Protein backbone atom coordinates (compact mmCIF):
# COMPACT_ATOMS: atom_id res chain seq x y z
CA UNK A 1 -11.71 7.66 21.51
CA UNK A 2 -14.25 5.57 19.61
CA UNK A 3 -12.35 2.34 20.32
CA UNK A 4 -12.63 2.95 24.05
CA UNK A 5 -16.36 2.28 23.88
CA UNK A 6 -16.30 -0.59 21.41
CA UNK A 7 -17.52 -3.93 22.71
CA UNK A 8 -17.99 -7.32 21.12
CA UNK A 9 -21.61 -7.56 19.98
CA UNK A 10 -21.45 -11.34 20.17
CA UNK A 11 -20.43 -11.16 23.81
CA UNK A 12 -23.03 -8.46 24.50
CA UNK A 13 -25.93 -10.49 23.10
CA UNK A 14 -24.70 -13.71 24.68
CA UNK A 15 -24.62 -11.96 28.06
CA UNK A 16 -28.13 -10.60 27.55
CA UNK A 17 -29.40 -14.02 26.57
CA UNK A 18 -27.86 -15.69 29.61
CA UNK A 19 -29.26 -13.00 31.89
CA UNK A 20 -32.73 -13.48 30.40
CA UNK A 21 -32.48 -17.22 30.81
CA UNK A 22 -31.23 -17.16 34.40
CA UNK A 23 -33.40 -14.30 35.65
CA UNK A 24 -36.49 -15.49 33.73
CA UNK A 25 -36.92 -12.04 32.20
CA UNK A 26 -38.10 -11.35 28.67
CA UNK A 27 -35.50 -10.11 26.21
CA UNK A 28 -37.50 -6.91 25.65
CA UNK A 29 -37.46 -6.14 29.38
CA UNK A 30 -33.66 -6.24 29.43
CA UNK A 31 -33.59 -3.87 26.45
CA UNK A 32 -35.78 -1.33 28.29
CA UNK A 33 -33.42 -1.07 31.26
CA UNK A 34 -31.34 2.09 31.44
CA UNK A 35 -27.66 1.37 30.83
CA UNK A 36 -26.71 1.90 34.50
CA UNK A 37 -29.38 -0.54 35.75
CA UNK A 38 -28.26 -3.07 33.17
CA UNK A 39 -24.64 -2.67 34.25
CA UNK A 40 -25.49 -2.90 37.96
CA UNK A 41 -27.65 -5.96 37.33
CA UNK A 42 -24.79 -7.66 35.50
CA UNK A 43 -22.33 -6.80 38.27
CA UNK A 44 -24.68 -8.17 40.94
CA UNK A 45 -25.31 -11.29 38.89
CA UNK A 46 -21.57 -11.76 38.42
CA UNK A 47 -21.02 -11.52 42.19
CA UNK A 48 -23.76 -14.09 42.83
CA UNK A 49 -22.19 -16.47 40.32
CA UNK A 50 -18.75 -16.08 41.92
CA UNK A 51 -20.19 -16.77 45.39
CA UNK A 52 -21.97 -19.87 44.12
CA UNK A 53 -18.79 -21.09 42.46
CA UNK A 54 -16.81 -20.60 45.70
CA UNK A 55 -19.46 -22.50 47.68
CA UNK A 56 -19.41 -25.31 45.12
CA UNK A 57 -15.61 -25.56 45.30
CA UNK A 58 -15.71 -25.61 49.11
CA UNK A 59 -18.30 -28.37 49.15
CA UNK A 60 -16.27 -30.38 46.61
CA UNK A 61 -13.15 -29.98 48.74
CA UNK A 62 -15.07 -31.12 51.83
CA UNK A 63 -16.37 -34.15 49.98
CA UNK A 64 -12.88 -34.98 48.70
CA UNK A 65 -11.45 -34.72 52.21
CA UNK A 66 -14.11 -37.13 53.50
CA UNK A 67 -13.42 -39.66 50.75
CA UNK A 68 -10.80 -42.34 51.34
CA UNK A 69 -7.52 -41.61 49.62
CA UNK A 70 -7.23 -44.98 47.87
CA UNK A 71 -6.78 -45.13 44.15
CA UNK A 72 -9.77 -47.06 42.80
CA UNK A 73 -8.36 -47.33 39.30
CA UNK A 74 -5.20 -48.99 40.55
CA UNK A 75 -7.25 -51.43 42.62
CA UNK A 76 -9.48 -52.27 39.66
CA UNK A 77 -6.46 -52.83 37.40
CA UNK A 78 -4.84 -55.11 39.99
CA UNK A 79 -8.03 -57.13 40.30
CA UNK A 80 -8.26 -57.51 36.52
CA UNK A 81 -4.63 -58.63 36.27
CA UNK A 82 -5.14 -61.21 39.03
CA UNK A 83 -8.30 -62.49 37.36
CA UNK A 84 -6.58 -62.78 33.98
CA UNK A 85 -3.64 -64.65 35.45
CA UNK A 86 -5.83 -67.18 37.24
CA UNK A 87 -8.21 -67.68 34.32
CA UNK A 88 -7.16 -70.23 31.72
CA UNK A 89 -8.79 -70.61 28.38
CA UNK A 90 -10.45 -74.01 27.89
CA UNK A 91 -8.87 -76.18 25.24
CA UNK A 92 -10.96 -77.11 22.27
CA UNK A 93 -11.52 -80.83 21.73
CA UNK A 94 -9.79 -82.21 18.68
CA UNK A 95 -11.88 -83.36 15.76
CA UNK A 96 -11.84 -87.10 15.06
CA UNK A 97 -10.08 -87.97 11.88
CA UNK A 98 -12.30 -88.93 8.98
CA UNK A 99 -11.71 -92.22 7.17
CA UNK A 100 -9.97 -91.90 3.84
CA UNK A 101 -11.91 -93.00 0.83
């Protein structure tokens, strides 16, 4: 029965820290909350985060659908290959021979 209520303390404190940071609440204020308020606050915060993530994904999908479907990397590589093929290295002038002594 004891294992049913065991939780990871690392995860517990990390969650409290993130909640303090995001909600701009002091750590001591979170500690004073009754357990049910703390749990409800975390559930509400989790729902808000999920909604924000869904909105972000939708906006990314909309932006991707508006973008042209060309592959920019392929185009850049083709341009580099063409430039390398047309570019020739200059030849170095030969040194004049020195007279033998």
